[in-house]
């Protein structure tokens, strides 16, 4: 497993890399962008807070909250990560692309 931080204008994401997929954790979706033109793009979560996204094949399966520990246990299998996502639909973000 590879772990890295990716910085951007409204904070950072922690990335956990699997085989042909990755998990992206964003600790604060309420952070203010550096440009008003970016405000729409970064106002992704109406309630703010943490988001964890399972990303593969241009799909973004997003859960509200911090799910890094749960995904980290499953990083050897995309199918196991997808199963975890679908078992937690009460925490599904409206921005999820599934």
PDB file of N, CA and C in Angstrom:
ATOM      1  N   UNK A   1       0.836  -1.177   0.000  1.00  0.00           N
ATOM      2  CA  UNK A   1       0.000   0.000   0.000  1.00  0.00           C
ATOM      3  C   UNK A   1       0.878   1.236   0.000  1.00  0.00           C
ATOM      4  N   UNK A   2       0.512   2.190  -0.811  1.00  0.00           N
ATOM      5  CA  UNK A   2       1.185   3.474  -0.855  1.00  0.00           C
ATOM      6  C   UNK A   2       0.284   4.512  -0.210  1.00  0.00           C
ATOM      7  N   UNK A   3       0.882   5.400   0.559  1.00  0.00           N
ATOM      8  CA  UNK A   3       0.127   6.442   1.231  1.00  0.00           C
ATOM      9  C   UNK A   3       0.810   7.769   0.912  1.00  0.00           C
ATOM     10  N   UNK A   4       0.033   8.785   0.533  1.00  0.00           N
ATOM     11  CA  UNK A   4       0.631  10.087   0.245  1.00  0.00           C
ATOM     12  C   UNK A   4      -0.369  11.192   0.521  1.00  0.00           C
ATOM     13  N   UNK A   5       0.133  12.402   0.676  1.00  0.00           N
ATOM     14  CA  UNK A   5      -0.710  13.584   0.837  1.00  0.00           C
ATOM     15  C   UNK A   5      -0.662  14.377  -0.454  1.00  0.00           C
ATOM     16  N   UNK A   6      -1.807  14.858  -0.889  1.00  0.00           N
ATOM     17  CA  UNK A   6      -1.902  15.692  -2.073  1.00  0.00           C
ATOM     18  C   UNK A   6      -2.493  17.024  -1.649  1.00  0.00           C
ATOM     19  N   UNK A   7      -1.751  18.109  -1.831  1.00  0.00           N
ATOM     20  CA  UNK A   7      -2.235  19.436  -1.445  1.00  0.00           C
ATOM     21  C   UNK A   7      -2.998  20.082  -2.594  1.00  0.00           C
ATOM     22  N   UNK A   8      -4.005  20.869  -2.252  1.00  0.00           N
ATOM     23  CA  UNK A   8      -4.733  21.674  -3.227  1.00  0.00           C
ATOM     24  C   UNK A   8      -5.240  22.922  -2.534  1.00  0.00           C
ATOM     25  N   UNK A   9      -5.969  23.751  -3.225  1.00  0.00           N
ATOM     26  CA  UNK A   9      -6.319  25.077  -2.721  1.00  0.00           C
ATOM     27  C   UNK A   9      -7.181  25.077  -1.466  1.00  0.00           C
ATOM     28  N   UNK A  10      -7.927  24.023  -1.216  1.00  0.00           N
ATOM     29  CA  UNK A  10      -8.759  24.021  -0.014  1.00  0.00           C
ATOM     30  C   UNK A  10      -8.314  22.943   0.970  1.00  0.00           C
ATOM     31  N   UNK A  11      -7.014  22.711   1.063  1.00  0.00           N
ATOM     32  CA  UNK A  11      -6.510  21.769   2.058  1.00  0.00           C
ATOM     33  C   UNK A  11      -5.697  20.667   1.419  1.00  0.00           C
ATOM     34  N   UNK A  12      -5.903  19.448   1.882  1.00  0.00           N
ATOM     35  CA  UNK A  12      -5.168  18.314   1.344  1.00  0.00           C
ATOM     36  C   UNK A  12      -6.034  17.066   1.353  1.00  0.00           C
ATOM     37  N   UNK A  13      -5.649  16.116   0.546  1.00  0.00           N
ATOM     38  CA  UNK A  13      -6.247  14.793   0.550  1.00  0.00           C
ATOM     39  C   UNK A  13      -5.171  13.799   0.930  1.00  0.00           C
ATOM     40  N   UNK A  14      -5.534  12.791   1.690  1.00  0.00           N
ATOM     41  CA  UNK A  14      -4.640  11.669   1.929  1.00  0.00           C
ATOM     42  C   UNK A  14      -5.067  10.571   0.966  1.00  0.00           C
ATOM     43  N   UNK A  15      -4.111  10.024   0.228  1.00  0.00           N
ATOM     44  CA  UNK A  15      -4.392   9.020  -0.793  1.00  0.00           C
ATOM     45  C   UNK A  15      -3.831   7.676  -0.356  1.00  0.00           C
ATOM     46  N   UNK A  16      -4.659   6.635  -0.400  1.00  0.00           N
ATOM     47  CA  UNK A  16      -4.233   5.258  -0.189  1.00  0.00           C
ATOM     48  C   UNK A  16      -4.371   4.561  -1.531  1.00  0.00           C
ATOM     49  N   UNK A  17      -3.277   4.040  -2.056  1.00  0.00           N
ATOM     50  CA  UNK A  17      -3.306   3.456  -3.398  1.00  0.00           C
ATOM     51  C   UNK A  17      -3.446   1.942  -3.351  1.00  0.00           C
ATOM     52  N   UNK A  18      -4.392   1.438  -4.137  1.00  0.00           N
ATOM     53  CA  UNK A  18      -4.565   0.015  -4.350  1.00  0.00           C
ATOM     54  C   UNK A  18      -4.164  -0.316  -5.778  1.00  0.00           C
ATOM     55  N   UNK A  19      -4.460  -1.520  -6.203  1.00  0.00           N
ATOM     56  CA  UNK A  19      -4.155  -1.961  -7.570  1.00  0.00           C
ATOM     57  C   UNK A  19      -5.250  -1.451  -8.509  1.00  0.00           C
ATOM     58  N   UNK A  20      -4.950  -0.444  -9.329  1.00  0.00           N
ATOM     59  CA  UNK A  20      -5.891   0.150 -10.289  1.00  0.00           C
ATOM     60  C   UNK A  20      -7.041   0.918  -9.643  1.00  0.00           C
ATOM     61  N   UNK A  21      -6.867   1.338  -8.395  1.00  0.00           N
ATOM     62  CA  UNK A  21      -7.847   2.188  -7.716  1.00  0.00           C
ATOM     63  C   UNK A  21      -7.143   2.887  -6.566  1.00  0.00           C
ATOM     64  N   UNK A  22      -7.811   3.882  -6.004  1.00  0.00           N
ATOM     65  CA  UNK A  22      -7.269   4.533  -4.816  1.00  0.00           C
ATOM     66  C   UNK A  22      -8.410   5.029  -3.940  1.00  0.00           C
ATOM     67  N   UNK A  23      -8.081   5.293  -2.684  1.00  0.00           N
ATOM     68  CA  UNK A  23      -9.021   5.853  -1.719  1.00  0.00           C
ATOM     69  C   UNK A  23      -8.503   7.235  -1.360  1.00  0.00           C
ATOM     70  N   UNK A  24      -9.371   8.227  -1.457  1.00  0.00           N
ATOM     71  CA  UNK A  24      -9.002   9.610  -1.183  1.00  0.00           C
ATOM     72  C   UNK A  24      -9.788  10.107   0.026  1.00  0.00           C
ATOM     73  N   UNK A  25      -9.078  10.566   1.041  1.00  0.00           N
ATOM     74  CA  UNK A  25      -9.709  11.109   2.247  1.00  0.00           C
ATOM     75  C   UNK A  25      -9.490  12.612   2.283  1.00  0.00           C
ATOM     76  N   UNK A  26     -10.572  13.369   2.448  1.00  0.00           N
ATOM     77  CA  UNK A  26     -10.512  14.822   2.554  1.00  0.00           C
ATOM     78  C   UNK A  26     -11.075  15.196   3.927  1.00  0.00           C
ATOM     79  N   UNK A  27     -10.237  15.775   4.804  1.00  0.00           N
ATOM     80  CA  UNK A  27     -10.668  16.032   6.176  1.00  0.00           C
ATOM     81  C   UNK A  27     -11.637  17.193   6.364  1.00  0.00           C
ATOM     82  N   UNK A  28     -11.710  18.124   5.424  1.00  0.00           N
ATOM     83  CA  UNK A  28     -12.547  19.299   5.651  1.00  0.00           C
ATOM     84  C   UNK A  28     -13.058  19.858   4.337  1.00  0.00           C
ATOM     85  N   UNK A  29     -14.275  19.511   3.981  1.00  0.00           N
ATOM     86  CA  UNK A  29     -14.856  20.013   2.733  1.00  0.00           C
ATOM     87  C   UNK A  29     -15.439  21.406   2.888  1.00  0.00           C
ATOM     88  N   UNK A  30     -15.343  21.992   4.090  1.00  0.00           N
ATOM     89  CA  UNK A  30     -15.855  23.350   4.296  1.00  0.00           C
ATOM     90  C   UNK A  30     -14.783  24.405   4.141  1.00  0.00           C
ATOM     91  N   UNK A  31     -13.527  24.004   3.888  1.00  0.00           N
ATOM     92  CA  UNK A  31     -12.430  24.972   3.739  1.00  0.00           C
ATOM     93  C   UNK A  31     -12.730  25.940   2.599  1.00  0.00           C
ATOM     94  N   UNK A  32     -12.297  27.152   2.755  1.00  0.00           N
ATOM     95  CA  UNK A  32     -12.554  28.185   1.754  1.00  0.00           C
ATOM     96  C   UNK A  32     -11.539  28.104   0.620  1.00  0.00           C
ATOM     97  N   UNK A  33     -11.993  28.168  -0.634  1.00  0.00           N
ATOM     98  CA  UNK A  33     -11.068  28.171  -1.768  1.00  0.00           C
ATOM     99  C   UNK A  33     -10.325  29.501  -1.852  1.00  0.00           C
ATOM    100  N   UNK A  34      -9.200  29.499  -2.561  1.00  0.00           N
ATOM    101  CA  UNK A  34      -8.414  30.726  -2.697  1.00  0.00           C
ATOM    102  C   UNK A  34      -8.986  31.675  -3.738  1.00  0.00           C
ATOM    103  N   UNK A  35      -9.934  31.218  -4.547  1.00  0.00           N
ATOM    104  CA  UNK A  35     -10.519  32.049  -5.593  1.00  0.00           C
ATOM    105  C   UNK A  35     -12.036  31.903  -5.560  1.00  0.00           C
ATOM    106  N   UNK A  36     -12.780  33.009  -5.703  1.00  0.00           N
ATOM    107  CA  UNK A  36     -14.245  32.885  -5.733  1.00  0.00           C
ATOM    108  C   UNK A  36     -14.735  32.061  -6.922  1.00  0.00           C
ATOM    109  N   UNK A  37     -13.922  31.980  -7.984  1.00  0.00           N
ATOM    110  CA  UNK A  37     -14.303  31.194  -9.152  1.00  0.00           C
ATOM    111  C   UNK A  37     -14.244  29.702  -8.863  1.00  0.00           C
ATOM    112  N   UNK A  38     -13.470  29.333  -7.846  1.00  0.00           N
ATOM    113  CA  UNK A  38     -13.373  27.921  -7.469  1.00  0.00           C
ATOM    114  C   UNK A  38     -14.405  27.537  -6.412  1.00  0.00           C
ATOM    115  N   UNK A  39     -15.121  28.499  -5.892  1.00  0.00           N
ATOM    116  CA  UNK A  39     -16.055  28.235  -4.801  1.00  0.00           C
ATOM    117  C   UNK A  39     -17.099  27.189  -5.159  1.00  0.00           C
ATOM    118  N   UNK A  40     -17.635  27.260  -6.362  1.00  0.00           N
ATOM    119  CA  UNK A  40     -18.651  26.291  -6.776  1.00  0.00           C
ATOM    120  C   UNK A  40     -18.058  24.894  -6.843  1.00  0.00           C
ATOM    121  N   UNK A  41     -16.882  24.767  -7.398  1.00  0.00           N
ATOM    122  CA  UNK A  41     -16.252  23.458  -7.535  1.00  0.00           C
ATOM    123  C   UNK A  41     -15.950  22.829  -6.189  1.00  0.00           C
ATOM    124  N   UNK A  42     -15.636  23.647  -5.181  1.00  0.00           N
ATOM    125  CA  UNK A  42     -15.244  23.094  -3.892  1.00  0.00           C
ATOM    126  C   UNK A  42     -16.344  23.107  -2.848  1.00  0.00           C
ATOM    127  N   UNK A  43     -17.544  23.506  -3.201  1.00  0.00           N
ATOM    128  CA  UNK A  43     -18.635  23.450  -2.236  1.00  0.00           C
ATOM    129  C   UNK A  43     -19.346  22.115  -2.364  1.00  0.00           C
ATOM    130  N   UNK A  44     -18.566  21.056  -2.369  1.00  0.00           N
ATOM    131  CA  UNK A  44     -19.088  19.729  -2.691  1.00  0.00           C
ATOM    132  C   UNK A  44     -19.994  19.142  -1.637  1.00  0.00           C
ATOM    133  N   UNK A  45     -19.825  19.486  -0.410  1.00  0.00           N
ATOM    134  CA  UNK A  45     -20.608  18.850   0.647  1.00  0.00           C
ATOM    135  C   UNK A  45     -21.414  19.909   1.368  1.00  0.00           C
ATOM    136  N   UNK A  46     -22.741  19.821   1.275  1.00  0.00           N
ATOM    137  CA  UNK A  46     -23.579  20.852   1.856  1.00  0.00           C
ATOM    138  C   UNK A  46     -23.424  20.939   3.364  1.00  0.00           C
ATOM    139  N   UNK A  47     -23.072  19.861   4.026  1.00  0.00           N
ATOM    140  CA  UNK A  47     -22.898  19.860   5.470  1.00  0.00           C
ATOM    141  C   UNK A  47     -21.450  20.072   5.881  1.00  0.00           C
ATOM    142  N   UNK A  48     -20.529  20.032   4.945  1.00  0.00           N
ATOM    143  CA  UNK A  48     -19.120  20.158   5.273  1.00  0.00           C
ATOM    144  C   UNK A  48     -18.608  18.915   5.977  1.00  0.00           C
ATOM    145  N   UNK A  49     -17.374  18.980   6.410  1.00  0.00           N
ATOM    146  CA  UNK A  49     -16.812  17.868   7.153  1.00  0.00           C
ATOM    147  C   UNK A  49     -15.985  16.935   6.295  1.00  0.00           C
ATOM    148  N   UNK A  50     -15.812  15.731   6.789  1.00  0.00           N
ATOM    149  CA  UNK A  50     -14.934  14.753   6.157  1.00  0.00           C
ATOM    150  C   UNK A  50     -15.642  13.953   5.069  1.00  0.00           C
ATOM    151  N   UNK A  51     -14.862  13.556   4.069  1.00  0.00           N
ATOM    152  CA  UNK A  51     -15.347  12.660   3.006  1.00  0.00           C
ATOM    153  C   UNK A  51     -14.248  11.668   2.668  1.00  0.00           C
ATOM    154  N   UNK A  52     -14.656  10.452   2.343  1.00  0.00           N
ATOM    155  CA  UNK A  52     -13.729   9.424   1.878  1.00  0.00           C
ATOM    156  C   UNK A  52     -14.285   8.872   0.571  1.00  0.00           C
ATOM    157  N   UNK A  53     -13.458   8.903  -0.484  1.00  0.00           N
ATOM    158  CA  UNK A  53     -13.915   8.468  -1.805  1.00  0.00           C
ATOM    159  C   UNK A  53     -13.116   7.260  -2.287  1.00  0.00           C
ATOM    160  N   UNK A  54     -13.825   6.276  -2.803  1.00  0.00           N
ATOM    161  CA  UNK A  54     -13.218   5.143  -3.494  1.00  0.00           C
ATOM    162  C   UNK A  54     -13.227   5.505  -4.975  1.00  0.00           C
ATOM    163  N   UNK A  55     -12.064   5.572  -5.606  1.00  0.00           N
ATOM    164  CA  UNK A  55     -11.940   6.091  -6.965  1.00  0.00           C
ATOM    165  C   UNK A  55     -11.366   5.037  -7.906  1.00  0.00           C
ATOM    166  N   UNK A  56     -12.094   4.773  -9.004  1.00  0.00           N
ATOM    167  CA  UNK A  56     -11.638   3.809 -10.011  1.00  0.00           C
ATOM    168  C   UNK A  56     -12.420   4.049 -11.293  1.00  0.00           C
ATOM    169  N   UNK A  57     -11.810   3.830 -12.439  1.00  0.00           N
ATOM    170  CA  UNK A  57     -12.479   3.930 -13.746  1.00  0.00           C
ATOM    171  C   UNK A  57     -13.407   5.139 -13.852  1.00  0.00           C
ATOM    172  N   UNK A  58     -12.946   6.308 -13.439  1.00  0.00           N
ATOM    173  CA  UNK A  58     -13.743   7.553 -13.469  1.00  0.00           C
ATOM    174  C   UNK A  58     -14.995   7.479 -12.603  1.00  0.00           C
ATOM    175  N   UNK A  59     -15.008   6.585 -11.633  1.00  0.00           N
ATOM    176  CA  UNK A  59     -16.100   6.489 -10.668  1.00  0.00           C
ATOM    177  C   UNK A  59     -15.597   7.005  -9.320  1.00  0.00           C
ATOM    178  N   UNK A  60     -16.461   7.695  -8.597  1.00  0.00           N
ATOM    179  CA  UNK A  60     -16.119   8.240  -7.295  1.00  0.00           C
ATOM    180  C   UNK A  60     -17.224   7.850  -6.328  1.00  0.00           C
ATOM    181  N   UNK A  61     -16.962   6.812  -5.534  1.00  0.00           N
ATOM    182  CA  UNK A  61     -17.935   6.327  -4.560  1.00  0.00           C
ATOM    183  C   UNK A  61     -17.601   6.995  -3.232  1.00  0.00           C
ATOM    184  N   UNK A  62     -18.399   7.991  -2.845  1.00  0.00           N
ATOM    185  CA  UNK A  62     -18.053   8.879  -1.741  1.00  0.00           C
ATOM    186  C   UNK A  62     -18.934   8.607  -0.526  1.00  0.00           C
ATOM    187  N   UNK A  63     -18.272   8.431   0.608  1.00  0.00           N
ATOM    188  CA  UNK A  63     -18.958   8.297   1.894  1.00  0.00           C
ATOM    189  C   UNK A  63     -18.616   9.508   2.752  1.00  0.00           C
ATOM    190  N   UNK A  64     -19.586   9.999   3.492  1.00  0.00           N
ATOM    191  CA  UNK A  64     -19.340  11.071   4.448  1.00  0.00           C
ATOM    192  C   UNK A  64     -18.607  10.482   5.647  1.00  0.00           C
ATOM    193  N   UNK A  65     -17.607  11.189   6.126  1.00  0.00           N
ATOM    194  CA  UNK A  65     -16.846  10.735   7.282  1.00  0.00           C
ATOM    195  C   UNK A  65     -15.492  10.157   6.901  1.00  0.00           C
ATOM    196  N   UNK A  66     -14.780   9.706   7.922  1.00  0.00           N
ATOM    197  CA  UNK A  66     -13.435   9.145   7.757  1.00  0.00           C
ATOM    198  C   UNK A  66     -13.524   7.624   7.757  1.00  0.00           C
ATOM    199  N   UNK A  67     -13.256   7.015   6.607  1.00  0.00           N
ATOM    200  CA  UNK A  67     -13.349   5.555   6.447  1.00  0.00           C
ATOM    201  C   UNK A  67     -11.998   4.947   6.065  1.00  0.00           C
ATOM    202  N   UNK A  68     -10.922   5.657   6.345  1.00  0.00           N
ATOM    203  CA  UNK A  68      -9.590   5.172   5.963  1.00  0.00           C
ATOM    204  C   UNK A  68      -9.257   3.820   6.575  1.00  0.00           C
ATOM    205  N   UNK A  69      -9.514   3.640   7.858  1.00  0.00           N
ATOM    206  CA  UNK A  69      -9.173   2.371   8.515  1.00  0.00           C
ATOM    207  C   UNK A  69      -9.896   1.199   7.865  1.00  0.00           C
ATOM    208  N   UNK A  70     -11.177   1.389   7.579  1.00  0.00           N
ATOM    209  CA  UNK A  70     -11.968   0.314   6.985  1.00  0.00           C
ATOM    210  C   UNK A  70     -11.479  -0.018   5.578  1.00  0.00           C
ATOM    211  N   UNK A  71     -11.200   1.013   4.782  1.00  0.00           N
ATOM    212  CA  UNK A  71     -10.697   0.779   3.422  1.00  0.00           C
ATOM    213  C   UNK A  71      -9.284   0.198   3.444  1.00  0.00           C
ATOM    214  N   UNK A  72      -8.464   0.664   4.374  1.00  0.00           N
ATOM    215  CA  UNK A  72      -7.087   0.176   4.439  1.00  0.00           C
ATOM    216  C   UNK A  72      -7.056  -1.345   4.653  1.00  0.00           C
ATOM    217  N   UNK A  73      -7.986  -1.869   5.424  1.00  0.00           N
ATOM    218  CA  UNK A  73      -8.074  -3.314   5.650  1.00  0.00           C
ATOM    219  C   UNK A  73      -8.429  -4.065   4.376  1.00  0.00           C
ATOM    220  N   UNK A  74      -9.013  -3.370   3.408  1.00  0.00           N
ATOM    221  CA  UNK A  74      -9.528  -4.004   2.189  1.00  0.00           C
ATOM    222  C   UNK A  74      -8.750  -3.610   0.929  1.00  0.00           C
ATOM    223  N   UNK A  75      -7.644  -2.888   1.070  1.00  0.00           N
ATOM    224  CA  UNK A  75      -6.933  -2.329  -0.085  1.00  0.00           C
ATOM    225  C   UNK A  75      -6.389  -3.365  -1.059  1.00  0.00           C
ATOM    226  N   UNK A  76      -6.348  -4.624  -0.670  1.00  0.00           N
ATOM    227  CA  UNK A  76      -5.860  -5.647  -1.597  1.00  0.00           C
ATOM    228  C   UNK A  76      -6.924  -6.069  -2.598  1.00  0.00           C
ATOM    229  N   UNK A  77      -8.164  -5.501  -2.468  1.00  0.00           N
ATOM    230  CA  UNK A  77      -9.249  -5.909  -3.351  1.00  0.00           C
ATOM    231  C   UNK A  77     -10.225  -4.763  -3.617  1.00  0.00           C
ATOM    232  N   UNK A  78     -10.328  -4.362  -4.872  1.00  0.00           N
ATOM    233  CA  UNK A  78     -11.314  -3.356  -5.250  1.00  0.00           C
ATOM    234  C   UNK A  78     -12.715  -3.842  -4.911  1.00  0.00           C
ATOM    235  N   UNK A  79     -12.996  -5.096  -5.164  1.00  0.00           N
ATOM    236  CA  UNK A  79     -14.334  -5.633  -4.885  1.00  0.00           C
ATOM    237  C   UNK A  79     -14.680  -5.545  -3.399  1.00  0.00           C
ATOM    238  N   UNK A  80     -13.716  -5.808  -2.521  1.00  0.00           N
ATOM    239  CA  UNK A  80     -13.950  -5.703  -1.079  1.00  0.00           C
ATOM    240  C   UNK A  80     -14.221  -4.251  -0.687  1.00  0.00           C
ATOM    241  N   UNK A  81     -13.512  -3.309  -1.308  1.00  0.00           N
ATOM    242  CA  UNK A  81     -13.748  -1.888  -1.042  1.00  0.00           C
ATOM    243  C   UNK A  81     -15.134  -1.463  -1.528  1.00  0.00           C
ATOM    244  N   UNK A  82     -15.520  -1.914  -2.712  1.00  0.00           N
ATOM    245  CA  UNK A  82     -16.855  -1.596  -3.232  1.00  0.00           C
ATOM    246  C   UNK A  82     -17.938  -2.186  -2.324  1.00  0.00           C
ATOM    247  N   UNK A  83     -17.717  -3.393  -1.847  1.00  0.00           N
ATOM    248  CA  UNK A  83     -18.678  -4.027  -0.942  1.00  0.00           C
ATOM    249  C   UNK A  83     -18.842  -3.190   0.329  1.00  0.00           C
ATOM    250  N   UNK A  84     -17.730  -2.704   0.876  1.00  0.00           N
ATOM    251  CA  UNK A  84     -17.795  -1.847   2.062  1.00  0.00           C
ATOM    252  C   UNK A  84     -18.622  -0.594   1.758  1.00  0.00           C
ATOM    253  N   UNK A  85     -18.368   0.038   0.620  1.00  0.00           N
ATOM    254  CA  UNK A  85     -19.125   1.230   0.235  1.00  0.00           C
ATOM    255  C   UNK A  85     -20.623   0.927   0.194  1.00  0.00           C
ATOM    256  N   UNK A  86     -21.016  -0.146  -0.478  1.00  0.00           N
ATOM    257  CA  UNK A  86     -22.435  -0.447  -0.636  1.00  0.00           C
ATOM    258  C   UNK A  86     -23.086  -0.911   0.669  1.00  0.00           C
ATOM    259  N   UNK A  87     -22.302  -1.347   1.626  1.00  0.00           N
ATOM    260  CA  UNK A  87     -22.839  -1.714   2.937  1.00  0.00           C
ATOM    261  C   UNK A  87     -23.060  -0.486   3.822  1.00  0.00           C
ATOM    262  N   UNK A  88     -22.594   0.664   3.393  1.00  0.00           N
ATOM    263  CA  UNK A  88     -22.677   1.888   4.195  1.00  0.00           C
ATOM    264  C   UNK A  88     -23.408   3.005   3.474  1.00  0.00           C
ATOM    265  N   UNK A  89     -24.501   2.667   2.829  1.00  0.00           N
ATOM    266  CA  UNK A  89     -25.245   3.635   2.023  1.00  0.00           C
ATOM    267  C   UNK A  89     -25.892   4.764   2.823  1.00  0.00           C
ATOM    268  N   UNK A  90     -26.076   4.569   4.113  1.00  0.00           N
ATOM    269  CA  UNK A  90     -26.625   5.661   4.924  1.00  0.00           C
ATOM    270  C   UNK A  90     -25.649   6.835   5.015  1.00  0.00           C
ATOM    271  N   UNK A  91     -24.372   6.575   4.709  1.00  0.00           N
ATOM    272  CA  UNK A  91     -23.340   7.613   4.761  1.00  0.00           C
ATOM    273  C   UNK A  91     -22.926   8.088   3.366  1.00  0.00           C
ATOM    274  N   UNK A  92     -23.647   7.663   2.344  1.00  0.00           N
ATOM    275  CA  UNK A  92     -23.327   7.992   0.956  1.00  0.00           C
ATOM    276  C   UNK A  92     -23.515   9.488   0.714  1.00  0.00           C
ATOM    277  N   UNK A  93     -22.522  10.097   0.066  1.00  0.00           N
ATOM    278  CA  UNK A  93     -22.607  11.509  -0.313  1.00  0.00           C
ATOM    279  C   UNK A  93     -23.472  11.645  -1.562  1.00  0.00           C
ATOM    280  N   UNK A  94     -24.192  12.743  -1.647  1.00  0.00           N
ATOM    281  CA  UNK A  94     -24.990  12.999  -2.854  1.00  0.00           C
ATOM    282  C   UNK A  94     -24.104  13.203  -4.082  1.00  0.00           C
ATOM    283  N   UNK A  95     -22.808  13.434  -3.888  1.00  0.00           N
ATOM    284  CA  UNK A  95     -21.875  13.649  -4.990  1.00  0.00           C
ATOM    285  C   UNK A  95     -21.242  12.365  -5.478  1.00  0.00           C
ATOM    286  N   UNK A  96     -21.603  11.251  -4.884  1.00  0.00           N
ATOM    287  CA  UNK A  96     -21.093   9.958  -5.322  1.00  0.00           C
ATOM    288  C   UNK A  96     -21.582   9.672  -6.735  1.00  0.00           C
ATOM    289  N   UNK A  97     -20.724   9.109  -7.599  1.00  0.00           N
ATOM    290  CA  UNK A  97     -21.083   8.896  -9.004  1.00  0.00           C
ATOM    291  C   UNK A  97     -21.584   7.485  -9.305  1.00  0.00           C
ATOM    292  N   UNK A  98     -21.893   6.722  -8.279  1.00  0.00           N
ATOM    293  CA  UNK A  98     -22.394   5.370  -8.521  1.00  0.00           C
ATOM    294  C   UNK A  98     -23.840   5.381  -8.982  1.00  0.00           C
TER     295      UNK A  98
END
